[in-house]
């Protein structure tokens, strides 16, 4: 377990963002929520070349978001997950822990304003890196340039 998983320094973040290809998004919203981060951030990630796999918490009737098939649990995402980008309130993270541990993404990225040190430590104990309280769109633009 490296300190990088705790600090998220720029070189480490840049390397992880550059290496990633597949980003699952837990808590993604549908096109009806355009203008809100939980839709606009994944749309940006798709526009800059990542494969985005939607895992909405709500929207039970949604079959696709951003043209991609919806998974109802993180563990149901087909193929590996380089980054799990999370749009859930800090207090709502622990119910997702078992699902995330089964899916074993390489990195869990909690969006700006989302921090839960107990949740993060449980992930780190399972050798899953964690970034907390940072916007992946802002960091991508800053470190790798805009689309």
Protein backbone atom coordinates (compact mmCIF):
# COMPACT_ATOMS: atom_id res chain seq x y z
CA UNK A 1 0.00 0.00 0.00
CA UNK A 2 1.72 3.16 -1.19
CA UNK A 3 1.41 6.62 0.25
CA UNK A 4 0.37 7.69 -3.23
CA UNK A 5 -2.99 6.07 -2.62
CA UNK A 6 -3.36 8.45 0.30
CA UNK A 7 -1.95 11.66 -1.13
CA UNK A 8 -2.79 11.47 -4.82
CA UNK A 9 0.19 13.56 -5.95
CA UNK A 10 0.13 14.94 -9.48
CA UNK A 11 2.61 12.51 -11.03
CA UNK A 12 0.73 9.52 -9.62
CA UNK A 13 -2.67 10.91 -10.67
CA UNK A 14 -1.40 11.70 -14.19
CA UNK A 15 -0.01 8.18 -14.59
CA UNK A 16 -3.25 6.55 -13.39
CA UNK A 17 -5.44 8.71 -15.63
CA UNK A 18 -3.17 8.15 -18.64
CA UNK A 19 -3.07 4.37 -18.15
CA UNK A 20 -6.79 3.89 -17.52
CA UNK A 21 -9.12 2.86 -20.33
CA UNK A 22 -12.29 1.68 -18.57
CA UNK A 23 -14.08 3.82 -15.99
CA UNK A 24 -17.19 2.54 -14.23
CA UNK A 25 -19.35 5.29 -12.73
CA UNK A 26 -21.33 4.44 -9.59
CA UNK A 27 -24.18 6.88 -9.08
CA UNK A 28 -24.24 8.10 -12.68
CA UNK A 29 -27.35 10.01 -13.71
CA UNK A 30 -29.21 9.88 -17.01
CA UNK A 31 -29.39 12.44 -19.80
CA UNK A 32 -32.32 14.01 -17.93
CA UNK A 33 -29.73 15.30 -15.44
CA UNK A 34 -27.55 17.06 -18.05
CA UNK A 35 -25.92 20.00 -16.31
CA UNK A 36 -25.29 18.01 -13.12
CA UNK A 37 -21.84 16.55 -12.37
CA UNK A 38 -23.10 12.94 -12.09
CA UNK A 39 -23.98 13.12 -15.81
CA UNK A 40 -21.61 15.76 -17.18
CA UNK A 41 -18.40 14.30 -15.70
CA UNK A 42 -18.94 10.79 -17.17
CA UNK A 43 -19.93 12.39 -20.50
CA UNK A 44 -16.63 14.31 -20.48
CA UNK A 45 -14.70 11.13 -19.67
CA UNK A 46 -16.35 9.40 -22.62
CA UNK A 47 -15.60 12.35 -24.91
CA UNK A 48 -11.88 12.21 -24.06
CA UNK A 49 -11.71 8.52 -24.95
CA UNK A 50 -12.48 6.44 -21.88
CA UNK A 51 -14.99 3.61 -22.04
CA UNK A 52 -17.60 4.58 -19.45
CA UNK A 53 -19.62 1.81 -17.81
CA UNK A 54 -22.72 3.20 -16.05
CA UNK A 55 -23.77 1.86 -12.65
CA UNK A 56 -26.75 4.03 -11.65
CA UNK A 57 -28.20 3.83 -8.17
CA UNK A 58 -31.57 5.19 -9.29
CA UNK A 59 -33.24 5.06 -12.73
CA UNK A 60 -34.50 1.44 -12.55
CA UNK A 61 -35.90 1.65 -16.10
CA UNK A 62 -32.68 2.89 -17.71
CA UNK A 63 -31.16 0.27 -20.02
CA UNK A 64 -28.39 2.51 -21.37
CA UNK A 65 -26.68 5.72 -20.31
CA UNK A 66 -24.30 7.51 -22.68
CA UNK A 67 -25.00 4.71 -25.16
CA UNK A 68 -23.52 2.09 -22.84
CA UNK A 69 -25.43 -0.77 -21.17
CA UNK A 70 -26.31 -0.20 -17.53
CA UNK A 71 -25.02 -2.52 -14.79
CA UNK A 72 -27.01 -2.58 -11.55
CA UNK A 73 -24.01 -3.47 -9.38
CA UNK A 74 -20.31 -2.69 -9.79
CA UNK A 75 -19.55 -6.43 -9.77
CA UNK A 76 -21.86 -6.85 -12.80
CA UNK A 77 -19.69 -4.64 -15.02
CA UNK A 78 -18.22 -6.92 -17.67
CA UNK A 79 -14.43 -6.89 -17.93
CA UNK A 80 -11.96 -5.15 -15.67
CA UNK A 81 -12.40 -1.70 -14.14
CA UNK A 82 -9.40 0.62 -14.19
CA UNK A 83 -11.15 3.37 -12.21
CA UNK A 84 -14.44 3.34 -10.32
CA UNK A 85 -15.63 6.96 -10.24
CA UNK A 86 -18.14 7.43 -7.41
CA UNK A 87 -21.02 9.90 -7.13
CA UNK A 88 -22.55 8.94 -3.77
CA UNK A 89 -22.80 10.92 -0.55
CA UNK A 90 -20.07 10.18 1.96
CA UNK A 91 -22.58 8.58 4.34
CA UNK A 92 -23.96 6.34 1.59
CA UNK A 93 -20.68 4.63 0.65
CA UNK A 94 -20.47 1.73 3.11
CA UNK A 95 -23.49 -0.17 1.67
CA UNK A 96 -21.54 -0.34 -1.63
CA UNK A 97 -18.34 -1.67 -0.03
CA UNK A 98 -18.94 -5.41 -0.49
CA UNK A 99 -19.97 -4.92 -4.13
CA UNK A 100 -16.83 -2.87 -4.81
CA UNK A 101 -14.58 -5.37 -3.03
CA UNK A 102 -15.99 -8.16 -5.23
CA UNK A 103 -15.45 -6.08 -8.40
CA UNK A 104 -11.88 -5.20 -7.33
CA UNK A 105 -11.32 -2.04 -9.40
CA UNK A 106 -7.71 -0.88 -9.53
CA UNK A 107 -8.66 2.57 -8.21
CA UNK A 108 -11.74 4.05 -6.54
CA UNK A 109 -12.09 7.79 -7.18
CA UNK A 110 -14.49 9.65 -4.85
CA UNK A 111 -15.67 12.87 -6.44
CA UNK A 112 -15.23 16.35 -4.98
CA UNK A 113 -16.99 16.64 -1.63
CA UNK A 114 -17.03 12.88 -1.04
CA UNK A 115 -14.80 11.56 1.73
CA UNK A 116 -15.14 8.58 4.05
CA UNK A 117 -11.91 7.49 5.70
CA UNK A 118 -13.35 4.22 7.07
CA UNK A 119 -14.57 3.25 3.59
CA UNK A 120 -11.24 4.25 2.04
CA UNK A 121 -9.23 2.27 4.57
CA UNK A 122 -11.28 -0.88 3.93
CA UNK A 123 -10.55 -0.52 0.21
CA UNK A 124 -6.84 0.04 0.85
CA UNK A 125 -6.75 -3.09 3.04
CA UNK A 126 -7.94 -4.95 -0.08
CA UNK A 127 -5.12 -3.35 -2.13
CA UNK A 128 -7.49 -1.00 -3.96
CA UNK A 129 -6.10 2.53 -4.34
CA UNK A 130 -8.35 5.42 -3.35
CA UNK A 131 -8.61 9.08 -4.29
CA UNK A 132 -10.99 11.12 -2.12
CA UNK A 133 -12.61 14.53 -2.50
CA UNK A 134 -11.29 15.34 -6.00
CA UNK A 135 -13.05 15.93 -9.30
CA UNK A 136 -11.74 13.55 -11.95
CA UNK A 137 -12.76 15.99 -14.73
CA UNK A 138 -10.82 18.88 -13.17
CA UNK A 139 -7.77 16.71 -12.55
CA UNK A 140 -7.90 15.21 -16.06
CA UNK A 141 -8.08 18.66 -17.68
CA UNK A 142 -5.30 19.99 -15.46
CA UNK A 143 -2.96 17.02 -15.85
CA UNK A 144 -3.70 15.69 -19.35
CA UNK A 145 -5.37 18.60 -21.13
CA UNK A 146 -8.94 19.19 -22.22
CA UNK A 147 -10.67 17.24 -24.97
